[in-house]
Structures are given as C-alpha cells and as structure tokens.
N, C-alpha and C. Protein backbone atom coordinates (compact mmCIF):
# COMPACT_ATOMS: atom_id res chain seq x y z
N MET A 1 -53.25 -11.10 -60.10
CA MET A 1 -54.67 -10.10 -60.02
C MET A 1 -54.25 -9.69 -58.28
N SER A 2 -54.15 -8.45 -58.59
CA SER A 2 -54.25 -7.74 -57.16
C SER A 2 -55.62 -7.53 -56.44
N LEU A 3 -55.47 -8.19 -55.14
CA LEU A 3 -56.86 -8.38 -54.53
C LEU A 3 -57.93 -7.21 -54.37
N GLU A 4 -57.12 -5.84 -54.48
CA GLU A 4 -57.98 -4.70 -54.37
C GLU A 4 -58.70 -4.86 -55.66
N ASP A 5 -57.99 -5.18 -56.86
CA ASP A 5 -58.51 -4.87 -57.99
C ASP A 5 -59.70 -6.13 -58.42
N LYS A 6 -59.35 -7.27 -57.65
CA LYS A 6 -60.51 -8.30 -57.77
C LYS A 6 -61.67 -7.74 -57.18
N ILE A 7 -61.60 -7.23 -55.98
CA ILE A 7 -62.52 -6.96 -55.27
C ILE A 7 -63.35 -5.96 -55.67
N LYS A 8 -62.66 -4.69 -56.36
CA LYS A 8 -63.46 -3.89 -57.01
C LYS A 8 -64.27 -4.34 -58.26
N ALA A 9 -63.75 -5.26 -59.12
CA ALA A 9 -64.30 -5.91 -60.06
C ALA A 9 -65.70 -6.67 -59.77
N THR A 10 -65.41 -7.57 -58.66
CA THR A 10 -66.60 -8.27 -57.90
C THR A 10 -67.53 -7.30 -57.62
N ALA A 11 -67.29 -6.35 -56.87
CA ALA A 11 -68.31 -5.24 -56.16
C ALA A 11 -69.09 -4.81 -57.61
N LYS A 12 -68.41 -4.29 -58.52
CA LYS A 12 -69.19 -3.84 -59.65
C LYS A 12 -70.02 -4.85 -60.59
N ASN A 13 -69.71 -6.19 -60.41
CA ASN A 13 -70.71 -7.26 -60.96
C ASN A 13 -71.72 -7.41 -59.92
N ILE A 14 -71.58 -7.21 -58.92
CA ILE A 14 -72.74 -7.39 -57.96
C ILE A 14 -73.61 -6.14 -58.02
N GLU A 15 -73.21 -4.90 -58.16
CA GLU A 15 -73.80 -3.88 -58.43
C GLU A 15 -74.67 -3.64 -59.53
N GLY A 16 -73.85 -4.41 -60.56
CA GLY A 16 -74.56 -4.47 -61.78
C GLY A 16 -76.02 -5.54 -62.03
N LYS A 17 -75.56 -6.63 -60.92
CA LYS A 17 -76.74 -7.68 -61.10
C LYS A 17 -77.91 -6.93 -60.12
N VAL A 18 -77.63 -6.10 -59.20
CA VAL A 18 -78.53 -5.44 -58.33
C VAL A 18 -79.60 -4.52 -59.36
N GLN A 19 -78.63 -3.69 -60.18
CA GLN A 19 -79.17 -2.81 -60.78
C GLN A 19 -80.01 -3.48 -61.85
N GLU A 20 -79.57 -4.61 -62.17
CA GLU A 20 -80.36 -5.38 -63.37
C GLU A 20 -81.57 -5.90 -62.87
N ALA A 21 -81.48 -6.35 -61.98
CA ALA A 21 -82.77 -6.88 -61.21
C ALA A 21 -83.79 -5.72 -60.76
N VAL A 22 -83.39 -4.83 -60.52
CA VAL A 22 -84.17 -3.39 -60.02
C VAL A 22 -84.99 -3.07 -61.27
N GLY A 23 -84.30 -2.93 -62.29
CA GLY A 23 -84.64 -2.57 -63.67
C GLY A 23 -85.75 -3.53 -64.26
N GLU A 24 -85.67 -4.99 -63.75
CA GLU A 24 -86.47 -5.94 -64.11
C GLU A 24 -87.87 -5.69 -63.24
N ILE A 25 -87.60 -5.51 -61.99
CA ILE A 25 -88.67 -5.43 -61.29
C ILE A 25 -89.75 -4.12 -61.44
N THR A 26 -88.79 -3.15 -61.89
CA THR A 26 -89.45 -1.85 -62.06
C THR A 26 -90.01 -1.50 -63.32
N GLY A 27 -89.57 -2.61 -64.03
CA GLY A 27 -89.87 -2.30 -65.60
C GLY A 27 -89.14 -1.35 -66.52
N ASP A 28 -88.16 -0.88 -66.11
CA ASP A 28 -86.92 0.24 -66.78
C ASP A 28 -86.00 -0.50 -67.40
N PRO A 29 -86.12 -0.24 -68.73
CA PRO A 29 -85.20 -1.23 -69.62
C PRO A 29 -83.81 -0.47 -69.48
N GLU A 30 -83.88 0.82 -69.36
CA GLU A 30 -82.70 1.69 -69.22
C GLU A 30 -81.76 1.32 -68.02
N GLN A 31 -82.39 1.29 -66.74
CA GLN A 31 -81.89 0.68 -65.55
C GLN A 31 -81.29 -0.93 -65.81
N LYS A 32 -82.01 -1.55 -66.45
CA LYS A 32 -81.70 -2.93 -66.44
C LYS A 32 -80.51 -3.26 -67.40
N MET A 33 -80.26 -2.42 -68.54
CA MET A 33 -79.05 -2.36 -69.64
C MET A 33 -78.02 -1.79 -68.99
N GLU A 34 -78.32 -0.79 -67.77
CA GLU A 34 -77.06 -0.18 -67.33
C GLU A 34 -76.62 -1.37 -66.67
N GLY A 35 -77.49 -2.13 -65.66
CA GLY A 35 -76.92 -3.17 -64.93
C GLY A 35 -75.97 -4.16 -65.63
N LYS A 36 -76.58 -4.40 -66.88
CA LYS A 36 -75.56 -5.39 -67.81
C LYS A 36 -74.50 -4.90 -68.03
N ARG A 37 -74.37 -3.72 -68.45
CA ARG A 37 -73.46 -3.01 -68.74
C ARG A 37 -72.11 -3.09 -67.96
N LYS A 38 -72.32 -2.77 -66.57
CA LYS A 38 -71.58 -2.91 -65.49
C LYS A 38 -71.10 -4.26 -65.16
N GLN A 39 -71.87 -5.23 -65.35
CA GLN A 39 -71.69 -6.73 -65.29
C GLN A 39 -70.39 -6.98 -66.23
N ALA A 40 -70.71 -6.61 -67.50
CA ALA A 40 -69.63 -6.58 -68.82
C ALA A 40 -68.33 -5.96 -68.47
N GLU A 41 -68.53 -4.81 -67.95
CA GLU A 41 -67.16 -4.00 -67.67
C GLU A 41 -66.53 -5.13 -66.45
N ALA A 42 -67.28 -5.55 -65.49
CA ALA A 42 -66.61 -6.33 -64.40
C ALA A 42 -65.91 -7.40 -65.07
N GLU A 43 -66.57 -8.22 -66.13
CA GLU A 43 -65.91 -9.45 -66.71
C GLU A 43 -64.69 -9.02 -67.55
N ILE A 44 -64.78 -7.85 -68.15
CA ILE A 44 -63.47 -7.22 -68.92
C ILE A 44 -62.42 -6.90 -67.66
N GLN A 45 -62.69 -6.25 -66.49
CA GLN A 45 -61.66 -5.90 -65.64
C GLN A 45 -61.22 -7.45 -65.14
N HIS A 46 -61.93 -8.42 -64.94
CA HIS A 46 -61.38 -9.51 -64.47
C HIS A 46 -60.45 -10.12 -65.47
N GLY A 47 -60.69 -10.04 -66.84
CA GLY A 47 -59.95 -10.58 -67.72
C GLY A 47 -58.67 -9.97 -67.99
N ILE A 48 -58.52 -8.63 -68.03
CA ILE A 48 -57.36 -7.92 -68.09
C ILE A 48 -56.59 -8.21 -66.86
N GLU A 49 -57.12 -8.35 -65.54
CA GLU A 49 -56.11 -8.54 -64.49
C GLU A 49 -55.91 -9.96 -64.45
N ASN A 50 -56.51 -11.10 -65.03
CA ASN A 50 -55.78 -12.51 -65.23
C ASN A 50 -54.93 -12.39 -66.12
N LEU A 51 -54.93 -11.76 -67.11
CA LEU A 51 -53.53 -11.42 -68.24
C LEU A 51 -52.61 -10.89 -67.56
N LYS A 52 -52.76 -9.65 -66.63
CA LYS A 52 -51.64 -9.52 -65.89
C LYS A 52 -50.81 -10.31 -65.14
N ASP A 53 -51.75 -11.19 -64.54
CA ASP A 53 -51.37 -12.34 -63.73
C ASP A 53 -50.28 -13.00 -64.34
N LYS A 54 -50.85 -13.49 -65.50
CA LYS A 54 -50.10 -14.64 -66.59
C LYS A 54 -48.92 -13.87 -67.03
N ALA A 55 -48.85 -12.62 -67.20
CA ALA A 55 -47.80 -12.32 -67.97
C ALA A 55 -46.69 -12.06 -66.73
N LYS A 56 -47.20 -11.80 -65.42
CA LYS A 56 -46.20 -11.56 -64.35
C LYS A 56 -45.58 -13.02 -64.03
N LYS A 57 -46.33 -14.21 -64.31
CA LYS A 57 -45.77 -15.33 -63.85
C LYS A 57 -44.53 -15.79 -65.20
N LEU A 58 -44.86 -15.15 -66.43
CA LEU A 58 -44.11 -15.65 -67.17
C LEU A 58 -42.83 -14.87 -67.22
N ILE A 59 -42.71 -13.68 -66.61
CA ILE A 59 -41.70 -12.72 -66.30
C ILE A 59 -40.80 -13.38 -65.14
N ASP A 60 -41.63 -13.72 -63.92
CA ASP A 60 -40.63 -14.22 -62.98
C ASP A 60 -40.22 -15.52 -63.11
C-alpha cells in the first residue's frame, strides 16, 4: 500500500468518525449516516490497497 493512499484512507476514516460524532451530538441522522459512509469508503480503500500489495508481492 502506498503511504500516500494509506494516509488518505486513514484521514477519510477519521473524518467519518468525527462527522458521525457530530451527527450524534446534534441529533442529525443525515450527518451521522454520512460519517458512517465515509468510514465504509475508507475500509474499502484499505482493502483495495492491501490487495494491490499482495498482488505486487506475488509478481515480485
């Protein structure tokens, strides 16, 4: 996993957690769901990058 992609995915995950918490505090379900969506996207990004790493190791 490239360091830059890993940092981006981690930042998106943190952003999602903050947004979810803000939605919880303010009682805004849309904000909360948007935060959860960002966290799910970050998980997918991590998974894709992990697969790329495994493929690269097989090729090398």
